[in-house]
Amino acid sequence: MVNYQDSKLDRTFAALSDPTRRALLSQLGERQDMSVTELARPFSMSLPAVMKHLDVLSDAGLITRSKTGRRVACRLTAEPMREAVSWLTRYETFWAEGLDRLAAYAEAQEPS
C-alpha cells in the first residue's frame, strides 16, 4: 500500500471542510483586510469560537493575522488552496471521462 502523506495538504482540506471557515474565507476573498470583530459579526457564535476557526485557518496557512494596537487584522493567503486545486486537478480527467460515459449511456437509453 502506498503511504501518501502531505500534512500541509491535509491541514488545508481539514480547514476547508467546515462551512463556517469557508464562509470566513469568502468574506476575506471579498475584502482583503478585515478585523476579527468584522469577520465575526455575521455569525451567531461567540468571538472565542470564531477565533478558534481563525486559528485552524491560520495553522493551515490560509490566512495571516497582524496586530496593530488592539486591532487584529486577517488577510487571505491563497497558496495552500492553489496546492489543493493542483492536487484535485490530477483527477479531473477521471471525473470528466466518467461523466462523458454517463452522458453517453443516458442518451443511448432515451427512446427515439
N, C-alpha and C. Protein backbone atom coordinates (compact mmCIF):
# COMPACT_ATOMS: atom_id res chain seq x y z
N MET A 1 0.84 -1.17 0.00
CA MET A 1 0.00 0.00 0.00
C MET A 1 0.89 1.24 0.00
N VAL A 2 0.52 2.22 -0.80
CA VAL A 2 1.27 3.46 -0.86
C VAL A 2 0.88 4.32 0.34
N ASN A 3 1.85 4.84 1.01
CA ASN A 3 1.60 5.70 2.15
C ASN A 3 1.83 7.15 1.72
N TYR A 4 0.76 7.80 1.25
CA TYR A 4 0.86 9.18 0.78
C TYR A 4 0.47 10.11 1.90
N GLN A 5 1.40 10.92 2.35
CA GLN A 5 1.09 11.87 3.40
C GLN A 5 1.63 13.23 3.01
N ASP A 6 0.79 14.19 3.08
CA ASP A 6 1.18 15.58 2.88
C ASP A 6 0.43 16.37 3.93
N SER A 7 1.07 16.58 5.07
CA SER A 7 0.38 17.20 6.20
C SER A 7 -0.13 18.60 5.86
N LYS A 8 0.58 19.31 4.99
CA LYS A 8 0.12 20.64 4.60
C LYS A 8 -1.20 20.55 3.84
N LEU A 9 -1.27 19.61 2.91
CA LEU A 9 -2.49 19.39 2.15
C LEU A 9 -3.61 18.89 3.07
N ASP A 10 -3.27 18.02 4.00
CA ASP A 10 -4.26 17.53 4.97
C ASP A 10 -4.85 18.68 5.78
N ARG A 11 -3.99 19.59 6.25
CA ARG A 11 -4.47 20.74 7.02
C ARG A 11 -5.36 21.64 6.17
N THR A 12 -5.01 21.80 4.90
CA THR A 12 -5.81 22.64 4.01
C THR A 12 -7.21 22.05 3.85
N PHE A 13 -7.28 20.77 3.51
CA PHE A 13 -8.59 20.14 3.32
C PHE A 13 -9.38 20.10 4.63
N ALA A 14 -8.73 19.86 5.75
CA ALA A 14 -9.42 19.85 7.04
C ALA A 14 -10.00 21.23 7.35
N ALA A 15 -9.22 22.27 7.07
CA ALA A 15 -9.70 23.63 7.32
C ALA A 15 -10.88 23.98 6.42
N LEU A 16 -10.80 23.55 5.16
CA LEU A 16 -11.86 23.85 4.19
C LEU A 16 -13.11 23.01 4.39
N SER A 17 -13.03 21.97 5.20
CA SER A 17 -14.17 21.06 5.38
C SER A 17 -15.30 21.68 6.21
N ASP A 18 -15.02 22.75 6.92
CA ASP A 18 -16.02 23.35 7.80
C ASP A 18 -16.71 24.53 7.11
N PRO A 19 -18.05 24.57 7.11
CA PRO A 19 -18.76 25.66 6.43
C PRO A 19 -18.50 27.04 7.03
N THR A 20 -18.30 27.12 8.33
CA THR A 20 -18.00 28.42 8.95
C THR A 20 -16.66 28.94 8.47
N ARG A 21 -15.68 28.07 8.38
CA ARG A 21 -14.36 28.50 7.92
C ARG A 21 -14.40 28.89 6.44
N ARG A 22 -15.19 28.17 5.64
CA ARG A 22 -15.33 28.56 4.24
C ARG A 22 -16.00 29.93 4.13
N ALA A 23 -16.98 30.19 4.99
CA ALA A 23 -17.65 31.50 4.99
C ALA A 23 -16.68 32.61 5.40
N LEU A 24 -15.83 32.33 6.37
CA LEU A 24 -14.81 33.32 6.76
C LEU A 24 -13.88 33.62 5.60
N LEU A 25 -13.46 32.57 4.89
CA LEU A 25 -12.58 32.77 3.73
C LEU A 25 -13.29 33.55 2.63
N SER A 26 -14.58 33.31 2.45
CA SER A 26 -15.35 34.06 1.45
C SER A 26 -15.37 35.55 1.78
N GLN A 27 -15.55 35.86 3.05
CA GLN A 27 -15.52 37.26 3.47
C GLN A 27 -14.17 37.89 3.14
N LEU A 28 -13.11 37.16 3.44
CA LEU A 28 -11.77 37.69 3.17
C LEU A 28 -11.47 37.76 1.68
N GLY A 29 -12.13 36.94 0.89
CA GLY A 29 -11.97 37.00 -0.55
C GLY A 29 -12.61 38.24 -1.14
N GLU A 30 -13.64 38.73 -0.48
CA GLU A 30 -14.32 39.94 -0.94
C GLU A 30 -13.63 41.21 -0.45
N ARG A 31 -13.05 41.14 0.72
CA ARG A 31 -12.40 42.30 1.31
C ARG A 31 -11.13 41.82 2.02
N GLN A 32 -10.00 42.15 1.50
CA GLN A 32 -8.72 41.56 1.91
C GLN A 32 -8.36 41.74 3.38
N ASP A 33 -8.58 42.89 3.94
CA ASP A 33 -8.06 43.18 5.28
C ASP A 33 -9.24 43.45 6.22
N MET A 34 -9.60 42.44 7.02
CA MET A 34 -10.73 42.59 7.94
C MET A 34 -10.30 42.27 9.36
N SER A 35 -10.88 42.98 10.29
CA SER A 35 -10.59 42.70 11.69
C SER A 35 -11.36 41.45 12.12
N VAL A 36 -10.91 40.85 13.19
CA VAL A 36 -11.57 39.67 13.74
C VAL A 36 -13.02 40.01 14.09
N THR A 37 -13.25 41.19 14.66
CA THR A 37 -14.60 41.62 15.03
C THR A 37 -15.49 41.72 13.80
N GLU A 38 -14.96 42.28 12.72
CA GLU A 38 -15.74 42.39 11.47
C GLU A 38 -16.06 41.01 10.91
N LEU A 39 -15.09 40.11 10.96
CA LEU A 39 -15.31 38.76 10.47
C LEU A 39 -16.36 38.02 11.29
N ALA A 40 -16.38 38.26 12.59
CA ALA A 40 -17.28 37.54 13.49
C ALA A 40 -18.72 38.07 13.42
N ARG A 41 -18.90 39.29 12.99
CA ARG A 41 -20.21 39.95 13.03
C ARG A 41 -21.36 39.12 12.42
N PRO A 42 -21.21 38.51 11.24
CA PRO A 42 -22.35 37.79 10.64
C PRO A 42 -22.72 36.46 11.32
N PHE A 43 -21.89 35.99 12.23
CA PHE A 43 -22.10 34.67 12.81
C PHE A 43 -22.78 34.75 14.17
N SER A 44 -23.63 33.79 14.44
CA SER A 44 -24.30 33.74 15.74
C SER A 44 -23.53 32.81 16.68
N MET A 45 -22.27 33.18 16.88
CA MET A 45 -21.41 32.42 17.81
C MET A 45 -20.52 33.42 18.53
N SER A 46 -19.93 32.96 19.58
CA SER A 46 -19.08 33.84 20.39
C SER A 46 -17.80 34.21 19.65
N LEU A 47 -17.20 35.30 20.05
CA LEU A 47 -15.93 35.72 19.47
C LEU A 47 -14.84 34.66 19.71
N PRO A 48 -14.77 34.04 20.89
CA PRO A 48 -13.77 32.97 21.07
C PRO A 48 -13.98 31.80 20.10
N ALA A 49 -15.23 31.48 19.78
CA ALA A 49 -15.48 30.39 18.83
C ALA A 49 -14.98 30.77 17.44
N VAL A 50 -15.21 32.02 17.03
CA VAL A 50 -14.70 32.49 15.74
C VAL A 50 -13.17 32.47 15.75
N MET A 51 -12.58 32.86 16.87
CA MET A 51 -11.11 32.85 16.99
C MET A 51 -10.56 31.43 16.80
N LYS A 52 -11.26 30.41 17.30
CA LYS A 52 -10.80 29.03 17.12
C LYS A 52 -10.83 28.65 15.64
N HIS A 53 -11.87 29.08 14.93
CA HIS A 53 -11.92 28.82 13.49
C HIS A 53 -10.77 29.53 12.78
N LEU A 54 -10.49 30.76 13.19
CA LEU A 54 -9.38 31.51 12.59
C LEU A 54 -8.04 30.85 12.89
N ASP A 55 -7.92 30.25 14.08
CA ASP A 55 -6.69 29.51 14.42
C ASP A 55 -6.47 28.35 13.44
N VAL A 56 -7.54 27.62 13.14
CA VAL A 56 -7.43 26.49 12.20
C VAL A 56 -7.01 27.00 10.82
N LEU A 57 -7.64 28.09 10.37
CA LEU A 57 -7.30 28.66 9.07
C LEU A 57 -5.86 29.15 9.04
N SER A 58 -5.42 29.73 10.13
CA SER A 58 -4.05 30.22 10.22
C SER A 58 -3.06 29.06 10.25
N ASP A 59 -3.36 28.01 11.01
CA ASP A 59 -2.48 26.83 11.06
C ASP A 59 -2.35 26.17 9.70
N ALA A 60 -3.41 26.26 8.88
CA ALA A 60 -3.38 25.68 7.53
C ALA A 60 -2.70 26.62 6.53
N GLY A 61 -2.36 27.82 6.98
CA GLY A 61 -1.70 28.78 6.09
C GLY A 61 -2.66 29.51 5.16
N LEU A 62 -3.97 29.41 5.43
CA LEU A 62 -4.96 30.02 4.56
C LEU A 62 -5.20 31.49 4.86
N ILE A 63 -4.82 31.91 6.07
CA ILE A 63 -4.91 33.33 6.43
C ILE A 63 -3.66 33.74 7.19
N THR A 64 -3.40 35.01 7.19
CA THR A 64 -2.38 35.59 8.06
C THR A 64 -3.06 36.61 8.95
N ARG A 65 -2.50 36.81 10.12
CA ARG A 65 -3.05 37.80 11.05
C ARG A 65 -1.94 38.77 11.44
N SER A 66 -2.34 40.01 11.57
CA SER A 66 -1.38 41.02 12.04
C SER A 66 -2.08 41.90 13.07
N LYS A 67 -1.32 42.31 14.05
CA LYS A 67 -1.89 43.10 15.13
C LYS A 67 -1.34 44.52 15.08
N THR A 68 -2.24 45.48 15.09
CA THR A 68 -1.88 46.90 15.15
C THR A 68 -2.65 47.49 16.32
N GLY A 69 -1.95 47.76 17.39
CA GLY A 69 -2.63 48.22 18.60
C GLY A 69 -3.50 47.10 19.13
N ARG A 70 -4.80 47.37 19.25
CA ARG A 70 -5.74 46.35 19.73
C ARG A 70 -6.44 45.63 18.59
N ARG A 71 -6.23 46.09 17.37
CA ARG A 71 -6.92 45.52 16.21
C ARG A 71 -6.10 44.37 15.61
N VAL A 72 -6.76 43.22 15.46
CA VAL A 72 -6.14 42.07 14.80
C VAL A 72 -6.80 41.95 13.43
N ALA A 73 -5.98 42.12 12.38
CA ALA A 73 -6.49 42.07 11.01
C ALA A 73 -6.14 40.72 10.40
N CYS A 74 -7.05 40.22 9.59
CA CYS A 74 -6.84 38.96 8.90
C CYS A 74 -6.77 39.20 7.40
N ARG A 75 -5.96 38.39 6.73
CA ARG A 75 -5.78 38.50 5.28
C ARG A 75 -5.73 37.10 4.70
N LEU A 76 -6.38 36.93 3.56
CA LEU A 76 -6.41 35.66 2.86
C LEU A 76 -5.06 35.38 2.20
N THR A 77 -4.59 34.15 2.30
CA THR A 77 -3.40 33.72 1.56
C THR A 77 -3.80 32.51 0.73
N ALA A 78 -3.62 32.60 -0.56
CA ALA A 78 -4.20 31.61 -1.47
C ALA A 78 -3.29 30.42 -1.78
N GLU A 79 -2.04 30.47 -1.45
CA GLU A 79 -1.11 29.41 -1.85
C GLU A 79 -1.55 28.00 -1.45
N PRO A 80 -2.00 27.77 -0.20
CA PRO A 80 -2.44 26.42 0.14
C PRO A 80 -3.64 25.95 -0.71
N MET A 81 -4.54 26.87 -1.05
CA MET A 81 -5.67 26.49 -1.91
C MET A 81 -5.19 26.17 -3.32
N ARG A 82 -4.19 26.87 -3.78
CA ARG A 82 -3.62 26.60 -5.10
C ARG A 82 -3.05 25.18 -5.13
N GLU A 83 -2.39 24.78 -4.07
CA GLU A 83 -1.85 23.42 -3.98
C GLU A 83 -2.97 22.38 -3.93
N ALA A 84 -4.07 22.70 -3.23
CA ALA A 84 -5.21 21.77 -3.17
C ALA A 84 -5.86 21.63 -4.55
N VAL A 85 -6.00 22.73 -5.25
CA VAL A 85 -6.57 22.69 -6.61
C VAL A 85 -5.66 21.88 -7.53
N SER A 86 -4.37 22.04 -7.39
CA SER A 86 -3.42 21.28 -8.20
C SER A 86 -3.60 19.79 -7.94
N TRP A 87 -3.76 19.41 -6.69
CA TRP A 87 -3.96 18.00 -6.34
C TRP A 87 -5.27 17.49 -6.94
N LEU A 88 -6.34 18.28 -6.83
CA LEU A 88 -7.64 17.87 -7.36
C LEU A 88 -7.65 17.79 -8.88
N THR A 89 -6.88 18.64 -9.53
CA THR A 89 -6.84 18.68 -10.99
C THR A 89 -6.34 17.37 -11.57
N ARG A 90 -5.49 16.68 -10.83
CA ARG A 90 -4.99 15.39 -11.30
C ARG A 90 -6.12 14.40 -11.58
N TYR A 91 -7.24 14.56 -10.89
CA TYR A 91 -8.36 13.64 -11.02
C TYR A 91 -9.46 14.17 -11.94
N GLU A 92 -9.28 15.36 -12.46
CA GLU A 92 -10.30 15.97 -13.31
C GLU A 92 -10.56 15.13 -14.57
N THR A 93 -9.52 14.59 -15.17
CA THR A 93 -9.69 13.75 -16.36
C THR A 93 -10.54 12.54 -16.04
N PHE A 94 -10.29 11.91 -14.91
CA PHE A 94 -11.07 10.75 -14.48
C PHE A 94 -12.54 11.12 -14.34
N TRP A 95 -12.83 12.27 -13.66
CA TRP A 95 -14.21 12.70 -13.48
C TRP A 95 -14.86 13.01 -14.82
N ALA A 96 -14.14 13.75 -15.67
CA ALA A 96 -14.69 14.15 -16.96
C ALA A 96 -15.01 12.93 -17.82
N GLU A 97 -14.10 11.98 -17.86
CA GLU A 97 -14.33 10.77 -18.65
C GLU A 97 -15.52 9.98 -18.11
N GLY A 98 -15.62 9.88 -16.81
CA GLY A 98 -16.74 9.18 -16.20
C GLY A 98 -18.07 9.86 -16.50
N LEU A 99 -18.09 11.18 -16.42
CA LEU A 99 -19.32 11.91 -16.72
C LEU A 99 -19.67 11.81 -18.20
N ASP A 100 -18.66 11.82 -19.07
CA ASP A 100 -18.91 11.65 -20.51
C ASP A 100 -19.53 10.28 -20.78
N ARG A 101 -19.01 9.23 -20.12
CA ARG A 101 -19.57 7.89 -20.30
C ARG A 101 -21.00 7.82 -19.78
N LEU A 102 -21.27 8.48 -18.66
CA LEU A 102 -22.61 8.50 -18.09
C LEU A 102 -23.57 9.23 -19.04
N ALA A 103 -23.15 10.36 -19.58
CA ALA A 103 -23.99 11.11 -20.52
C ALA A 103 -24.28 10.28 -21.77
N ALA A 104 -23.27 9.60 -22.30
CA ALA A 104 -23.46 8.75 -23.48
C ALA A 104 -24.43 7.62 -23.18
N TYR A 105 -24.31 7.02 -22.00
CA TYR A 105 -25.21 5.95 -21.61
C TYR A 105 -26.65 6.46 -21.49
N ALA A 106 -26.82 7.63 -20.86
CA ALA A 106 -28.15 8.20 -20.69
C ALA A 106 -28.79 8.52 -22.03
N GLU A 107 -27.99 9.06 -22.94
CA GLU A 107 -28.50 9.38 -24.26
C GLU A 107 -28.91 8.10 -25.01
N ALA A 108 -28.15 7.04 -24.84
CA ALA A 108 -28.45 5.77 -25.51
C ALA A 108 -29.74 5.15 -24.95
N GLN A 109 -30.09 5.45 -23.70
CA GLN A 109 -31.26 4.88 -23.07
C GLN A 109 -32.55 5.63 -23.41
N GLU A 110 -32.41 6.85 -23.91
CA GLU A 110 -33.60 7.64 -24.25
C GLU A 110 -34.30 7.03 -25.46
N PRO A 111 -35.63 6.92 -25.37
CA PRO A 111 -36.36 6.40 -26.53
C PRO A 111 -36.32 7.39 -27.68
N SER A 112 -36.21 6.89 -28.91
CA SER A 112 -36.12 7.76 -30.08
C SER A 112 -37.47 8.24 -30.52
